[in-house]
């Protein structure tokens, strides 16, 4: 998981066990770049990631970061938001 520190910088606070750290970090960096582009600033993206989502039956998007499919779902959702096609 990740959080923004007091300087507004992204910090990874834990990595799911069994994941290749390099691959996970790259996926997370790409996702954060996309989120920052969509929301305009990283803290707003992280706020969205930590907010319960009705499409996920009340789960938070951040809870999906443990699987490649979860990363893909978040990326797809960000693409929909960027293009104004909310589900």
PDB file of N, CA and C in Angstrom:
ATOM      1  N   UNK A   1       0.832  -1.169   0.000  1.00  0.00           N
ATOM      2  CA  UNK A   1       0.000   0.000   0.000  1.00  0.00           C
ATOM      3  C   UNK A   1       0.885   1.244   0.000  1.00  0.00           C
ATOM      4  N   UNK A   2       0.287   2.407  -0.138  1.00  0.00           N
ATOM      5  CA  UNK A   2       1.072   3.622  -0.170  1.00  0.00           C
ATOM      6  C   UNK A   2       0.322   4.767   0.477  1.00  0.00           C
ATOM      7  N   UNK A   3       1.081   5.830   0.761  1.00  0.00           N
ATOM      8  CA  UNK A   3       0.504   7.034   1.350  1.00  0.00           C
ATOM      9  C   UNK A   3       1.356   8.225   0.933  1.00  0.00           C
ATOM     10  N   UNK A   4       0.844   9.431   1.123  1.00  0.00           N
ATOM     11  CA  UNK A   4       1.590  10.647   0.844  1.00  0.00           C
ATOM     12  C   UNK A   4       2.138  11.168   2.172  1.00  0.00           C
ATOM     13  N   UNK A   5       3.448  11.445   2.205  1.00  0.00           N
ATOM     14  CA  UNK A   5       4.043  11.961   3.442  1.00  0.00           C
ATOM     15  C   UNK A   5       3.782  13.457   3.572  1.00  0.00           C
ATOM     16  N   UNK A   6       4.310  14.085   4.611  1.00  0.00           N
ATOM     17  CA  UNK A   6       4.052  15.503   4.880  1.00  0.00           C
ATOM     18  C   UNK A   6       4.628  16.430   3.819  1.00  0.00           C
ATOM     19  N   UNK A   7       5.514  15.932   2.965  1.00  0.00           N
ATOM     20  CA  UNK A   7       6.075  16.726   1.869  1.00  0.00           C
ATOM     21  C   UNK A   7       5.310  16.524   0.563  1.00  0.00           C
ATOM     22  N   UNK A   8       4.250  15.729   0.607  1.00  0.00           N
ATOM     23  CA  UNK A   8       3.473  15.450  -0.595  1.00  0.00           C
ATOM     24  C   UNK A   8       4.111  14.405  -1.491  1.00  0.00           C
ATOM     25  N   UNK A   9       5.065  13.650  -0.961  1.00  0.00           N
ATOM     26  CA  UNK A   9       5.739  12.610  -1.726  1.00  0.00           C
ATOM     27  C   UNK A   9       5.112  11.253  -1.444  1.00  0.00           C
ATOM     28  N   UNK A  10       5.084  10.415  -2.462  1.00  0.00           N
ATOM     29  CA  UNK A  10       4.520   9.076  -2.327  1.00  0.00           C
ATOM     30  C   UNK A  10       5.491   8.167  -1.586  1.00  0.00           C
ATOM     31  N   UNK A  11       4.981   7.421  -0.609  1.00  0.00           N
ATOM     32  CA  UNK A  11       5.779   6.442   0.119  1.00  0.00           C
ATOM     33  C   UNK A  11       5.058   5.098   0.080  1.00  0.00           C
ATOM     34  N   UNK A  12       5.780   4.062  -0.311  1.00  0.00           N
ATOM     35  CA  UNK A  12       5.229   2.710  -0.256  1.00  0.00           C
ATOM     36  C   UNK A  12       5.410   2.225   1.172  1.00  0.00           C
ATOM     37  N   UNK A  13       4.319   1.810   1.807  1.00  0.00           N
ATOM     38  CA  UNK A  13       4.415   1.395   3.202  1.00  0.00           C
ATOM     39  C   UNK A  13       4.385  -0.117   3.377  1.00  0.00           C
ATOM     40  N   UNK A  14       3.952  -0.852   2.368  1.00  0.00           N
ATOM     41  CA  UNK A  14       4.058  -2.307   2.407  1.00  0.00           C
ATOM     42  C   UNK A  14       3.847  -2.860   1.005  1.00  0.00           C
ATOM     43  N   UNK A  15       4.363  -4.048   0.787  1.00  0.00           N
ATOM     44  CA  UNK A  15       4.228  -4.722  -0.499  1.00  0.00           C
ATOM     45  C   UNK A  15       3.664  -6.107  -0.226  1.00  0.00           C
ATOM     46  N   UNK A  16       2.652  -6.530  -0.973  1.00  0.00           N
ATOM     47  CA  UNK A  16       2.112  -7.876  -0.742  1.00  0.00           C
ATOM     48  C   UNK A  16       3.201  -8.946  -0.822  1.00  0.00           C
ATOM     49  N   UNK A  17       3.165  -9.890   0.091  1.00  0.00           N
ATOM     50  CA  UNK A  17       4.139 -10.977   0.125  1.00  0.00           C
ATOM     51  C   UNK A  17       4.014 -11.811  -1.149  1.00  0.00           C
ATOM     52  N   UNK A  18       5.157 -12.185  -1.704  1.00  0.00           N
ATOM     53  CA  UNK A  18       5.182 -13.020  -2.893  1.00  0.00           C
ATOM     54  C   UNK A  18       5.232 -12.230  -4.194  1.00  0.00           C
ATOM     55  N   UNK A  19       5.081 -10.922  -4.138  1.00  0.00           N
ATOM     56  CA  UNK A  19       5.149 -10.099  -5.340  1.00  0.00           C
ATOM     57  C   UNK A  19       6.599  -9.730  -5.611  1.00  0.00           C
ATOM     58  N   UNK A  20       6.939  -9.657  -6.876  1.00  0.00           N
ATOM     59  CA  UNK A  20       8.252  -9.165  -7.255  1.00  0.00           C
ATOM     60  C   UNK A  20       8.242  -7.646  -7.029  1.00  0.00           C
ATOM     61  N   UNK A  21       9.081  -7.171  -6.125  1.00  0.00           N
ATOM     62  CA  UNK A  21       9.066  -5.769  -5.699  1.00  0.00           C
ATOM     63  C   UNK A  21       9.316  -4.825  -6.875  1.00  0.00           C
ATOM     64  N   UNK A  22      10.222  -5.163  -7.749  1.00  0.00           N
ATOM     65  CA  UNK A  22      10.524  -4.292  -8.893  1.00  0.00           C
ATOM     66  C   UNK A  22       9.304  -4.151  -9.813  1.00  0.00           C
ATOM     67  N   UNK A  23       8.665  -5.249 -10.126  1.00  0.00           N
ATOM     68  CA  UNK A  23       7.480  -5.225 -10.988  1.00  0.00           C
ATOM     69  C   UNK A  23       6.336  -4.461 -10.313  1.00  0.00           C
ATOM     70  N   UNK A  24       6.134  -4.727  -9.038  1.00  0.00           N
ATOM     71  CA  UNK A  24       5.079  -4.059  -8.282  1.00  0.00           C
ATOM     72  C   UNK A  24       5.314  -2.545  -8.250  1.00  0.00           C
ATOM     73  N   UNK A  25       6.560  -2.146  -8.006  1.00  0.00           N
ATOM     74  CA  UNK A  25       6.900  -0.722  -7.944  1.00  0.00           C
ATOM     75  C   UNK A  25       6.660  -0.038  -9.284  1.00  0.00           C
ATOM     76  N   UNK A  26       7.010  -0.704 -10.364  1.00  0.00           N
ATOM     77  CA  UNK A  26       6.786  -0.141 -11.697  1.00  0.00           C
ATOM     78  C   UNK A  26       5.291   0.012 -11.977  1.00  0.00           C
ATOM     79  N   UNK A  27       4.512  -1.015 -11.667  1.00  0.00           N
ATOM     80  CA  UNK A  27       3.064  -0.938 -11.867  1.00  0.00           C
ATOM     81  C   UNK A  27       2.463   0.192 -11.034  1.00  0.00           C
ATOM     82  N   UNK A  28       2.934   0.337  -9.813  1.00  0.00           N
ATOM     83  CA  UNK A  28       2.428   1.375  -8.921  1.00  0.00           C
ATOM     84  C   UNK A  28       2.794   2.765  -9.445  1.00  0.00           C
ATOM     85  N   UNK A  29       4.017   2.915  -9.943  1.00  0.00           N
ATOM     86  CA  UNK A  29       4.449   4.204 -10.493  1.00  0.00           C
ATOM     87  C   UNK A  29       3.609   4.596 -11.708  1.00  0.00           C
ATOM     88  N   UNK A  30       3.342   3.645 -12.592  1.00  0.00           N
ATOM     89  CA  UNK A  30       2.512   3.909 -13.770  1.00  0.00           C
ATOM     90  C   UNK A  30       1.102   4.293 -13.347  1.00  0.00           C
ATOM     91  N   UNK A  31       0.564   3.570 -12.391  1.00  0.00           N
ATOM     92  CA  UNK A  31      -0.783   3.846 -11.903  1.00  0.00           C
ATOM     93  C   UNK A  31      -0.858   5.226 -11.245  1.00  0.00           C
ATOM     94  N   UNK A  32       0.144   5.580 -10.466  1.00  0.00           N
ATOM     95  CA  UNK A  32       0.158   6.901  -9.812  1.00  0.00           C
ATOM     96  C   UNK A  32       0.292   8.022 -10.833  1.00  0.00           C
ATOM     97  N   UNK A  33       1.077   7.810 -11.862  1.00  0.00           N
ATOM     98  CA  UNK A  33       1.198   8.810 -12.936  1.00  0.00           C
ATOM     99  C   UNK A  33      -0.150   9.018 -13.602  1.00  0.00           C
ATOM    100  N   UNK A  34      -0.818   7.937 -13.919  1.00  0.00           N
ATOM    101  CA  UNK A  34      -2.141   8.009 -14.541  1.00  0.00           C
ATOM    102  C   UNK A  34      -3.131   8.711 -13.605  1.00  0.00           C
ATOM    103  N   UNK A  35      -3.121   8.330 -12.330  1.00  0.00           N
ATOM    104  CA  UNK A  35      -4.016   8.941 -11.355  1.00  0.00           C
ATOM    105  C   UNK A  35      -3.758  10.424 -11.189  1.00  0.00           C
ATOM    106  N   UNK A  36      -2.500  10.814 -11.172  1.00  0.00           N
ATOM    107  CA  UNK A  36      -2.149  12.232 -11.057  1.00  0.00           C
ATOM    108  C   UNK A  36      -2.628  12.989 -12.289  1.00  0.00           C
ATOM    109  N   UNK A  37      -2.473  12.390 -13.466  1.00  0.00           N
ATOM    110  CA  UNK A  37      -2.945  13.027 -14.696  1.00  0.00           C
ATOM    111  C   UNK A  37      -4.460  13.222 -14.673  1.00  0.00           C
ATOM    112  N   UNK A  38      -5.183  12.227 -14.179  1.00  0.00           N
ATOM    113  CA  UNK A  38      -6.648  12.287 -14.152  1.00  0.00           C
ATOM    114  C   UNK A  38      -7.151  13.265 -13.088  1.00  0.00           C
ATOM    115  N   UNK A  39      -6.578  13.216 -11.888  1.00  0.00           N
ATOM    116  CA  UNK A  39      -7.074  14.023 -10.774  1.00  0.00           C
ATOM    117  C   UNK A  39      -6.343  15.352 -10.591  1.00  0.00           C
ATOM    118  N   UNK A  40      -5.252  15.554 -11.319  1.00  0.00           N
ATOM    119  CA  UNK A  40      -4.538  16.818 -11.254  1.00  0.00           C
ATOM    120  C   UNK A  40      -3.449  16.894 -10.198  1.00  0.00           C
ATOM    121  N   UNK A  41      -3.568  16.099  -9.168  1.00  0.00           N
ATOM    122  CA  UNK A  41      -2.543  16.062  -8.126  1.00  0.00           C
ATOM    123  C   UNK A  41      -2.624  14.727  -7.405  1.00  0.00           C
ATOM    124  N   UNK A  42      -1.472  14.271  -6.934  1.00  0.00           N
ATOM    125  CA  UNK A  42      -1.380  12.960  -6.307  1.00  0.00           C
ATOM    126  C   UNK A  42      -2.262  12.803  -5.070  1.00  0.00           C
ATOM    127  N   UNK A  43      -2.330  13.784  -4.164  1.00  0.00           N
ATOM    128  CA  UNK A  43      -3.186  13.596  -2.979  1.00  0.00           C
ATOM    129  C   UNK A  43      -4.665  13.373  -3.331  1.00  0.00           C
ATOM    130  N   UNK A  44      -5.158  14.000  -4.376  1.00  0.00           N
ATOM    131  CA  UNK A  44      -6.554  13.783  -4.784  1.00  0.00           C
ATOM    132  C   UNK A  44      -6.741  12.351  -5.298  1.00  0.00           C
ATOM    133  N   UNK A  45      -5.763  11.853  -6.054  1.00  0.00           N
ATOM    134  CA  UNK A  45      -5.817  10.478  -6.541  1.00  0.00           C
ATOM    135  C   UNK A  45      -5.803   9.500  -5.366  1.00  0.00           C
ATOM    136  N   UNK A  46      -4.928   9.735  -4.407  1.00  0.00           N
ATOM    137  CA  UNK A  46      -4.836   8.849  -3.248  1.00  0.00           C
ATOM    138  C   UNK A  46      -6.125   8.907  -2.437  1.00  0.00           C
ATOM    139  N   UNK A  47      -6.732  10.084  -2.356  1.00  0.00           N
ATOM    140  CA  UNK A  47      -8.033  10.191  -1.696  1.00  0.00           C
ATOM    141  C   UNK A  47      -9.066   9.316  -2.384  1.00  0.00           C
ATOM    142  N   UNK A  48      -9.084   9.330  -3.712  1.00  0.00           N
ATOM    143  CA  UNK A  48     -10.009   8.483  -4.480  1.00  0.00           C
ATOM    144  C   UNK A  48      -9.722   7.008  -4.219  1.00  0.00           C
ATOM    145  N   UNK A  49      -8.435   6.664  -4.160  1.00  0.00           N
ATOM    146  CA  UNK A  49      -8.042   5.270  -3.919  1.00  0.00           C
ATOM    147  C   UNK A  49      -8.511   4.782  -2.549  1.00  0.00           C
ATOM    148  N   UNK A  50      -8.612   5.684  -1.587  1.00  0.00           N
ATOM    149  CA  UNK A  50      -8.982   5.320  -0.213  1.00  0.00           C
ATOM    150  C   UNK A  50     -10.452   5.534   0.098  1.00  0.00           C
ATOM    151  N   UNK A  51     -11.232   5.894  -0.899  1.00  0.00           N
ATOM    152  CA  UNK A  51     -12.660   6.146  -0.702  1.00  0.00           C
ATOM    153  C   UNK A  51     -13.469   4.925  -1.160  1.00  0.00           C
ATOM    154  N   UNK A  52     -14.408   4.449  -0.361  1.00  0.00           N
ATOM    155  CA  UNK A  52     -15.241   3.311  -0.783  1.00  0.00           C
ATOM    156  C   UNK A  52     -15.928   3.611  -2.124  1.00  0.00           C
ATOM    157  N   UNK A  53     -15.945   2.612  -2.983  1.00  0.00           N
ATOM    158  CA  UNK A  53     -16.483   2.762  -4.337  1.00  0.00           C
ATOM    159  C   UNK A  53     -17.721   1.881  -4.486  1.00  0.00           C
ATOM    160  N   UNK A  54     -18.833   2.470  -4.910  1.00  0.00           N
ATOM    161  CA  UNK A  54     -20.077   1.700  -5.037  1.00  0.00           C
ATOM    162  C   UNK A  54     -19.958   0.593  -6.087  1.00  0.00           C
ATOM    163  N   UNK A  55     -19.131   0.801  -7.102  1.00  0.00           N
ATOM    164  CA  UNK A  55     -18.941  -0.230  -8.128  1.00  0.00           C
ATOM    165  C   UNK A  55     -18.267  -1.467  -7.532  1.00  0.00           C
ATOM    166  N   UNK A  56     -17.499  -1.260  -6.484  1.00  0.00           N
ATOM    167  CA  UNK A  56     -16.795  -2.361  -5.818  1.00  0.00           C
ATOM    168  C   UNK A  56     -17.543  -2.847  -4.583  1.00  0.00           C
ATOM    169  N   UNK A  57     -18.822  -2.614  -4.535  1.00  0.00           N
ATOM    170  CA  UNK A  57     -19.643  -2.997  -3.384  1.00  0.00           C
ATOM    171  C   UNK A  57     -19.114  -2.392  -2.087  1.00  0.00           C
ATOM    172  N   UNK A  58     -18.674  -1.146  -2.162  1.00  0.00           N
ATOM    173  CA  UNK A  58     -18.205  -0.442  -0.977  1.00  0.00           C
ATOM    174  C   UNK A  58     -16.738  -0.623  -0.650  1.00  0.00           C
ATOM    175  N   UNK A  59     -16.024  -1.459  -1.405  1.00  0.00           N
ATOM    176  CA  UNK A  59     -14.585  -1.609  -1.179  1.00  0.00           C
ATOM    177  C   UNK A  59     -13.852  -0.375  -1.693  1.00  0.00           C
ATOM    178  N   UNK A  60     -12.638  -0.186  -1.205  1.00  0.00           N
ATOM    179  CA  UNK A  60     -11.786   0.908  -1.659  1.00  0.00           C
ATOM    180  C   UNK A  60     -10.901   0.403  -2.805  1.00  0.00           C
ATOM    181  N   UNK A  61     -10.679   1.213  -3.850  1.00  0.00           N
ATOM    182  CA  UNK A  61      -9.793   0.782  -4.933  1.00  0.00           C
ATOM    183  C   UNK A  61      -8.410   0.347  -4.447  1.00  0.00           C
ATOM    184  N   UNK A  62      -7.906   0.969  -3.397  1.00  0.00           N
ATOM    185  CA  UNK A  62      -6.579   0.609  -2.893  1.00  0.00           C
ATOM    186  C   UNK A  62      -6.509  -0.863  -2.479  1.00  0.00           C
ATOM    187  N   UNK A  63      -7.649  -1.441  -2.130  1.00  0.00           N
ATOM    188  CA  UNK A  63      -7.686  -2.843  -1.728  1.00  0.00           C
ATOM    189  C   UNK A  63      -7.433  -3.795  -2.901  1.00  0.00           C
ATOM    190  N   UNK A  64      -7.468  -3.265  -4.122  1.00  0.00           N
ATOM    191  CA  UNK A  64      -7.256  -4.100  -5.311  1.00  0.00           C
ATOM    192  C   UNK A  64      -5.793  -4.206  -5.725  1.00  0.00           C
ATOM    193  N   UNK A  65      -4.906  -3.491  -5.043  1.00  0.00           N
ATOM    194  CA  UNK A  65      -3.512  -3.434  -5.468  1.00  0.00           C
ATOM    195  C   UNK A  65      -2.720  -4.716  -5.223  1.00  0.00           C
ATOM    196  N   UNK A  66      -3.350  -5.733  -4.720  1.00  0.00           N
ATOM    197  CA  UNK A  66      -2.627  -6.970  -4.447  1.00  0.00           C
ATOM    198  C   UNK A  66      -2.611  -7.934  -5.625  1.00  0.00           C
ATOM    199  N   UNK A  67      -3.340  -7.607  -6.695  1.00  0.00           N
ATOM    200  CA  UNK A  67      -3.372  -8.510  -7.855  1.00  0.00           C
ATOM    201  C   UNK A  67      -3.198  -7.715  -9.152  1.00  0.00           C
ATOM    202  N   UNK A  68      -2.649  -8.352 -10.185  1.00  0.00           N
ATOM    203  CA  UNK A  68      -2.553  -7.687 -11.487  1.00  0.00           C
ATOM    204  C   UNK A  68      -3.930  -7.287 -12.024  1.00  0.00           C
ATOM    205  N   UNK A  69      -4.929  -8.109 -11.795  1.00  0.00           N
ATOM    206  CA  UNK A  69      -6.281  -7.788 -12.243  1.00  0.00           C
ATOM    207  C   UNK A  69      -6.797  -6.527 -11.548  1.00  0.00           C
ATOM    208  N   UNK A  70      -6.447  -6.363 -10.281  1.00  0.00           N
ATOM    209  CA  UNK A  70      -6.833  -5.168  -9.540  1.00  0.00           C
ATOM    210  C   UNK A  70      -6.189  -3.915 -10.113  1.00  0.00           C
ATOM    211  N   UNK A  71      -4.893  -4.015 -10.424  1.00  0.00           N
ATOM    212  CA  UNK A  71      -4.209  -2.888 -11.060  1.00  0.00           C
ATOM    213  C   UNK A  71      -4.912  -2.526 -12.368  1.00  0.00           C
ATOM    214  N   UNK A  72      -5.252  -3.538 -13.150  1.00  0.00           N
ATOM    215  CA  UNK A  72      -5.904  -3.296 -14.441  1.00  0.00           C
ATOM    216  C   UNK A  72      -7.269  -2.643 -14.257  1.00  0.00           C
ATOM    217  N   UNK A  73      -8.027  -3.099 -13.256  1.00  0.00           N
ATOM    218  CA  UNK A  73      -9.343  -2.515 -13.011  1.00  0.00           C
ATOM    219  C   UNK A  73      -9.199  -1.031 -12.679  1.00  0.00           C
ATOM    220  N   UNK A  74      -8.242  -0.686 -11.799  1.00  0.00           N
ATOM    221  CA  UNK A  74      -8.032   0.706 -11.414  1.00  0.00           C
ATOM    222  C   UNK A  74      -7.633   1.530 -12.635  1.00  0.00           C
ATOM    223  N   UNK A  75      -6.721   1.020 -13.435  1.00  0.00           N
ATOM    224  CA  UNK A  75      -6.295   1.735 -14.645  1.00  0.00           C
ATOM    225  C   UNK A  75      -7.475   1.948 -15.589  1.00  0.00           C
ATOM    226  N   UNK A  76      -8.277   0.911 -15.779  1.00  0.00           N
ATOM    227  CA  UNK A  76      -9.459   1.024 -16.651  1.00  0.00           C
ATOM    228  C   UNK A  76     -10.441   2.060 -16.114  1.00  0.00           C
ATOM    229  N   UNK A  77     -10.630   2.075 -14.816  1.00  0.00           N
ATOM    230  CA  UNK A  77     -11.550   3.030 -14.197  1.00  0.00           C
ATOM    231  C   UNK A  77     -11.029   4.457 -14.356  1.00  0.00           C
ATOM    232  N   UNK A  78      -9.728   4.651 -14.192  1.00  0.00           N
ATOM    233  CA  UNK A  78      -9.132   5.972 -14.408  1.00  0.00           C
ATOM    234  C   UNK A  78      -9.308   6.428 -15.847  1.00  0.00           C
ATOM    235  N   UNK A  79      -9.188   5.502 -16.779  1.00  0.00           N
ATOM    236  CA  UNK A  79      -9.403   5.829 -18.198  1.00  0.00           C
ATOM    237  C   UNK A  79     -10.843   6.273 -18.433  1.00  0.00           C
ATOM    238  N   UNK A  80     -11.794   5.574 -17.808  1.00  0.00           N
ATOM    239  CA  UNK A  80     -13.206   5.958 -17.940  1.00  0.00           C
ATOM    240  C   UNK A  80     -13.450   7.356 -17.359  1.00  0.00           C
ATOM    241  N   UNK A  81     -12.861   7.617 -16.203  1.00  0.00           N
ATOM    242  CA  UNK A  81     -13.020   8.934 -15.576  1.00  0.00           C
ATOM    243  C   UNK A  81     -12.431  10.019 -16.481  1.00  0.00           C
ATOM    244  N   UNK A  82     -11.250   9.751 -17.023  1.00  0.00           N
ATOM    245  CA  UNK A  82     -10.571  10.732 -17.884  1.00  0.00           C
ATOM    246  C   UNK A  82     -11.404  11.055 -19.128  1.00  0.00           C
ATOM    247  N   UNK A  83     -12.131  10.058 -19.623  1.00  0.00           N
ATOM    248  CA  UNK A  83     -12.949  10.259 -20.828  1.00  0.00           C
ATOM    249  C   UNK A  83     -14.398  10.598 -20.518  1.00  0.00           C
ATOM    250  N   UNK A  84     -14.720  10.731 -19.231  1.00  0.00           N
ATOM    251  CA  UNK A  84     -16.068  11.121 -18.845  1.00  0.00           C
ATOM    252  C   UNK A  84     -17.110  10.037 -18.995  1.00  0.00           C
ATOM    253  N   UNK A  85     -16.689   8.787 -19.002  1.00  0.00           N
ATOM    254  CA  UNK A  85     -17.641   7.668 -19.122  1.00  0.00           C
ATOM    255  C   UNK A  85     -17.695   6.905 -17.822  1.00  0.00           C
ATOM    256  N   UNK A  86     -18.302   7.513 -16.827  1.00  0.00           N
ATOM    257  CA  UNK A  86     -18.439   6.843 -15.536  1.00  0.00           C
ATOM    258  C   UNK A  86     -19.495   5.758 -15.624  1.00  0.00           C
ATOM    259  N   UNK A  87     -19.209   4.638 -14.991  1.00  0.00           N
ATOM    260  CA  UNK A  87     -20.159   3.521 -15.015  1.00  0.00           C
ATOM    261  C   UNK A  87     -21.292   3.772 -14.052  1.00  0.00           C
TER     262      UNK A  87
END
